[in-house]
Amino acid sequence: MERETVIHAEELTKRFGNFTAVDRISFDVDRGEVFGFLGANGAGKTTAMRMLCGLSRPTSGTGTVAGFDIARQYEKIKRNIGYMSQKFSLYEDLKVWENIRLYAGIYGMKGAEIARKTDELLERLDFAGERNTMVRKLPLGWKQKLAFSVSIFHDPAIVFLDEPTGGVDPYTRRQFWEMIYEAADRGITVFVTTHYMDEAEYCDRVSIMVDGRIDALDTPHNLKERFGARSMEEVFHALARKAERKE
């Protein structure tokens, strides 16, 4: 099958004064790929993700996301991606259906389409009986599943997931990853950061940042072979020990 690049970064750099947060990183991500973006706190992965999402302008280098230039077409990028964060995803004081409608409207969807797809989504998640429930009353695992579903409600080319499974139990994490695979099967590219190294094993490819640079990028299998490691946790720690700068 022919590859289609949907994320391209070339020598991408971000400086804050004399501090280089992201140091000339280059990589490509293909359509439908589950791409793990790892690094210890302070390694630069969040800054890099913000540039790719159109939330921060690069100091130098180039990049495209869904075919749009990250330095000039950031508003178009925002319309063609989904985003979910552990820290912020849903509005706790809105009902389930109100959260869906709010985000769908932000992504430019129209009323009739929103109503139809809302019904379909609630049925698929077995949430029909929770349509009018305040989000703050949902169990954490339900919130995570709803937040992910809302982030891809508009069928984006790419969804960025920033530590999406933090704080949930292992069973819910497995369910969440089943949803990720379903999205990838539909052709949605999944760009995910995680602190759980067992989740890195689920990715098609993994990059690991150290001190603002990408020190390794390959499949989990190849990375374990390269480092003589039994797990991605061992690979991660072998690289993270090289870090010179602090969080």
Protein backbone atom coordinates (compact mmCIF):
# COMPACT_ATOMS: atom_id res chain seq x y z
CA MET A 1 0.00 0.00 0.00
CA GLU A 2 1.29 3.43 -0.93
CA ARG A 3 2.37 5.58 2.01
CA GLU A 4 0.81 8.99 2.55
CA THR A 5 2.69 11.40 4.81
CA VAL A 6 0.34 13.50 6.96
CA ILE A 7 2.90 14.99 9.39
CA HIS A 8 6.26 16.24 8.19
CA ALA A 9 8.88 18.01 10.34
CA GLU A 10 12.21 19.22 8.98
CA GLU A 11 14.83 20.66 11.33
CA LEU A 12 11.99 21.95 13.52
CA THR A 13 13.34 24.20 16.28
CA LYS A 14 11.86 26.24 19.12
CA ARG A 15 13.91 28.58 21.29
CA PHE A 16 12.89 30.64 24.29
CA GLY A 17 15.63 33.24 24.66
CA ASN A 18 18.87 31.29 25.03
CA PHE A 19 17.07 28.03 25.80
CA THR A 20 16.47 25.59 22.93
CA ALA A 21 13.39 23.56 23.88
CA VAL A 22 13.20 21.69 20.57
CA ASP A 23 16.45 21.22 18.66
CA ARG A 24 16.19 20.53 14.90
CA ILE A 25 13.91 17.52 14.93
CA SER A 26 12.97 15.82 11.66
CA PHE A 27 10.46 13.01 11.12
CA ASP A 28 7.44 11.91 9.07
CA VAL A 29 4.21 10.23 10.16
CA ASP A 30 1.98 8.31 7.74
CA ARG A 31 -1.78 8.23 7.37
CA GLY A 32 -3.41 5.71 9.73
CA GLU A 33 -0.24 5.27 11.78
CA VAL A 34 -0.22 5.11 15.59
CA PHE A 35 2.86 7.16 16.39
CA GLY A 36 4.22 7.30 19.94
CA PHE A 37 6.00 10.52 20.93
CA LEU A 38 7.93 9.89 24.13
CA GLY A 39 10.31 11.79 26.35
CA ALA A 40 10.93 12.55 30.00
CA ASN A 41 9.48 15.72 31.49
CA GLY A 42 11.47 18.63 30.07
CA ALA A 43 12.61 16.73 26.98
CA GLY A 44 10.65 19.04 24.65
CA LYS A 45 7.83 16.80 23.48
CA THR A 46 5.01 19.10 24.65
CA THR A 47 6.62 22.10 22.95
CA ALA A 48 7.01 20.07 19.75
CA MET A 49 3.38 18.94 19.90
CA ARG A 50 2.20 22.53 20.36
CA MET A 51 4.02 23.55 17.18
CA LEU A 52 2.47 20.69 15.25
CA CYS A 53 -1.01 21.62 16.54
CA GLY A 54 -0.62 25.21 15.37
CA LEU A 55 -0.49 26.59 18.92
CA SER A 56 3.13 27.80 18.83
CA ARG A 57 5.24 29.19 15.97
CA PRO A 58 8.59 27.49 15.28
CA THR A 59 11.77 29.55 15.64
CA SER A 60 13.21 27.81 12.58
CA GLY A 61 12.70 24.74 10.44
CA THR A 62 9.57 23.73 8.57
CA GLY A 63 6.64 21.42 9.04
CA THR A 64 3.29 20.44 7.61
CA VAL A 65 0.30 18.81 9.28
CA ALA A 66 -2.54 17.47 7.12
CA GLY A 67 -0.91 19.30 4.22
CA PHE A 68 -0.90 22.71 5.94
CA ASP A 69 2.16 24.76 6.88
CA ILE A 70 2.55 24.95 10.67
CA ALA A 71 4.08 28.45 10.51
CA ARG A 72 1.47 30.05 8.23
CA GLN A 73 -1.71 27.95 8.10
CA TYR A 74 -2.21 27.16 11.77
CA GLU A 75 -5.93 28.01 11.73
CA LYS A 76 -6.50 25.43 8.98
CA ILE A 77 -4.48 22.91 10.96
CA LYS A 78 -6.74 23.40 13.97
CA ARG A 79 -9.80 22.59 11.82
CA ASN A 80 -8.25 19.39 10.48
CA ILE A 81 -6.96 17.81 13.68
CA GLY A 82 -8.43 16.52 16.90
CA TYR A 83 -6.84 17.05 20.31
CA MET A 84 -7.25 15.42 23.68
CA SER A 85 -5.28 16.06 26.85
CA GLN A 86 -5.31 14.41 30.24
CA LYS A 87 -5.41 17.87 31.80
CA PHE A 88 -8.18 19.40 29.71
CA SER A 89 -10.73 17.77 27.47
CA LEU A 90 -14.36 18.16 28.55
CA TYR A 91 -16.37 20.83 30.36
CA GLU A 92 -17.43 19.34 33.68
CA ASP A 93 -20.42 21.67 34.13
CA LEU A 94 -22.01 20.84 30.78
CA LYS A 95 -24.13 17.81 29.96
CA VAL A 96 -22.78 15.02 27.76
CA TRP A 97 -24.68 16.16 24.67
CA GLU A 98 -23.76 19.81 25.29
CA ASN A 99 -20.05 18.94 25.28
CA ILE A 100 -20.45 17.11 21.97
CA ARG A 101 -22.35 20.01 20.40
CA LEU A 102 -19.85 22.58 21.68
CA TYR A 103 -16.79 20.86 20.23
CA ALA A 104 -18.53 19.95 16.99
CA GLY A 105 -19.42 23.62 16.53
CA ILE A 106 -15.84 24.68 17.22
CA TYR A 107 -14.72 22.26 14.50
CA GLY A 108 -17.15 23.87 12.04
CA MET A 109 -19.82 21.15 11.82
CA LYS A 110 -23.44 22.05 11.04
CA GLY A 111 -26.47 21.54 13.26
CA ALA A 112 -28.20 18.67 11.43
CA GLU A 113 -24.97 16.71 11.09
CA ILE A 114 -24.14 17.30 14.76
CA ALA A 115 -27.55 16.00 15.87
CA ARG A 116 -27.33 12.86 13.70
CA LYS A 117 -23.77 12.00 14.68
CA THR A 118 -24.48 12.70 18.37
CA ASP A 119 -27.20 10.05 18.40
CA GLU A 120 -24.89 7.60 16.61
CA LEU A 121 -22.02 8.26 19.01
CA LEU A 122 -24.10 7.87 22.17
CA GLU A 123 -25.50 4.57 20.89
CA ARG A 124 -22.04 3.28 19.96
CA LEU A 125 -20.65 4.13 23.43
CA ASP A 126 -23.77 2.81 25.23
CA PHE A 127 -24.16 6.34 26.57
CA ALA A 128 -27.72 6.97 25.34
CA GLY A 129 -29.01 6.95 28.90
CA GLU A 130 -26.36 9.51 29.92
CA ARG A 131 -27.22 12.14 27.28
CA ASN A 132 -28.37 14.64 29.92
CA THR A 133 -25.86 13.68 32.62
CA MET A 134 -23.43 16.34 33.77
CA VAL A 135 -19.94 15.29 32.74
CA ARG A 136 -18.59 15.79 36.27
CA LYS A 137 -20.84 12.90 37.41
CA LEU A 138 -19.36 10.38 34.95
CA PRO A 139 -16.72 7.87 36.08
CA LEU A 140 -13.21 8.80 34.94
CA GLY A 141 -13.02 5.98 32.40
CA TRP A 142 -16.28 7.10 30.80
CA LYS A 143 -15.01 10.66 30.62
CA GLN A 144 -11.86 9.49 28.83
CA LYS A 145 -13.82 7.48 26.26
CA LEU A 146 -16.20 10.38 25.67
CA ALA A 147 -13.34 12.88 25.37
CA PHE A 148 -11.58 10.74 22.77
CA SER A 149 -14.80 10.25 20.82
CA VAL A 150 -15.41 14.01 20.85
CA SER A 151 -11.85 14.68 19.64
CA ILE A 152 -12.47 12.63 16.47
CA PHE A 153 -16.17 13.50 16.10
CA HIS A 154 -15.43 15.62 13.01
CA ASP A 155 -13.36 12.84 11.35
CA PRO A 156 -10.03 14.70 11.45
CA ALA A 157 -6.99 13.59 9.47
CA ILE A 158 -4.96 13.43 12.69
CA VAL A 159 -5.70 13.28 16.40
CA PHE A 160 -3.13 14.42 18.97
CA LEU A 161 -3.42 12.67 22.34
CA ASP A 162 -1.39 14.16 25.18
CA GLU A 163 -1.10 11.53 27.93
CA PRO A 164 -4.75 10.55 27.41
CA THR A 165 -4.90 7.58 29.80
CA GLY A 166 -3.34 9.15 32.87
CA GLY A 167 -5.05 8.11 36.08
CA VAL A 168 -7.33 5.40 34.66
CA ASP A 169 -7.24 1.73 35.55
CA PRO A 170 -5.54 -0.89 33.32
CA TYR A 171 -8.85 -2.32 32.04
CA THR A 172 -10.06 1.13 30.92
CA ARG A 173 -6.67 1.80 29.31
CA ARG A 174 -7.03 -1.37 27.25
CA GLN A 175 -10.52 -0.30 26.15
CA PHE A 176 -9.16 3.11 25.25
CA TRP A 177 -6.47 1.57 23.06
CA GLU A 178 -9.10 -0.49 21.27
CA MET A 179 -10.75 2.82 20.36
CA ILE A 180 -7.40 4.15 19.13
CA TYR A 181 -6.96 1.14 16.84
CA GLU A 182 -10.50 1.56 15.51
CA ALA A 183 -9.72 5.20 14.65
CA ALA A 184 -6.47 4.19 12.93
CA ASP A 185 -8.34 1.55 10.91
CA ARG A 186 -10.58 4.37 9.65
CA GLY A 187 -7.47 6.19 8.39
CA ILE A 188 -7.11 8.65 11.29
CA THR A 189 -3.47 9.16 12.25
CA VAL A 190 -2.93 8.93 16.01
CA PHE A 191 -0.07 10.96 17.50
CA VAL A 192 0.17 10.05 21.19
CA THR A 193 2.36 10.93 24.16
CA THR A 194 2.31 8.60 27.15
CA HIS A 195 4.17 7.90 30.38
CA TYR A 196 3.13 4.25 30.27
CA MET A 197 5.84 2.30 28.52
CA ASP A 198 3.58 -0.71 27.96
CA GLU A 199 1.49 1.63 25.79
CA ALA A 200 4.57 2.42 23.71
CA GLU A 201 4.52 -1.25 22.73
CA TYR A 202 1.11 -0.70 21.11
CA CYS A 203 2.41 1.96 18.69
CA ASP A 204 3.45 1.30 15.10
CA ARG A 205 6.54 3.45 15.64
CA VAL A 206 7.97 5.33 18.58
CA SER A 207 10.22 8.38 18.82
CA ILE A 208 12.06 9.23 22.04
CA MET A 209 13.20 12.77 22.76
CA VAL A 210 16.18 13.63 24.96
CA ASP A 211 17.21 17.25 25.63
CA GLY A 212 15.12 18.60 22.77
CA ARG A 213 16.35 16.13 20.15
CA ILE A 214 14.92 12.88 18.80
CA ASP A 215 17.47 10.28 19.92
CA ALA A 216 15.64 7.23 18.61
CA LEU A 217 12.82 6.55 16.15
CA ASP A 218 11.73 3.09 15.02
CA THR A 219 9.26 0.30 15.68
CA PRO A 220 9.14 -0.99 19.27
CA HIS A 221 10.53 -4.33 18.07
CA ASN A 222 13.52 -2.72 16.33
CA LEU A 223 14.25 -0.39 19.24
CA LYS A 224 14.33 -3.29 21.70
CA GLU A 225 16.68 -5.18 19.41
CA ARG A 226 18.93 -2.13 18.98
CA PHE A 227 19.29 -1.59 22.72
CA GLY A 228 19.28 -5.26 23.71
CA ALA A 229 16.21 -4.57 25.83
CA ARG A 230 13.31 -6.77 26.88
CA SER A 231 10.81 -3.92 27.05
CA MET A 232 10.26 -0.35 25.90
CA GLU A 233 10.73 0.71 29.51
CA GLU A 234 14.34 -0.49 29.35
CA VAL A 235 14.84 1.34 26.04
CA PHE A 236 13.37 4.54 27.48
CA HIS A 237 15.55 4.47 30.59
CA ALA A 238 18.70 3.74 28.56
CA LEU A 239 18.09 6.94 26.60
CA ALA A 240 16.68 9.08 29.42
CA ARG A 241 19.85 8.52 31.49
CA LYS A 242 21.73 10.54 28.87
CA ALA A 243 19.69 13.67 29.56
CA GLU A 244 21.74 16.64 30.76
CA ARG A 245 19.09 19.26 31.33
CA LYS A 246 16.57 19.14 34.15
CA GLU A 247 12.80 19.47 33.98
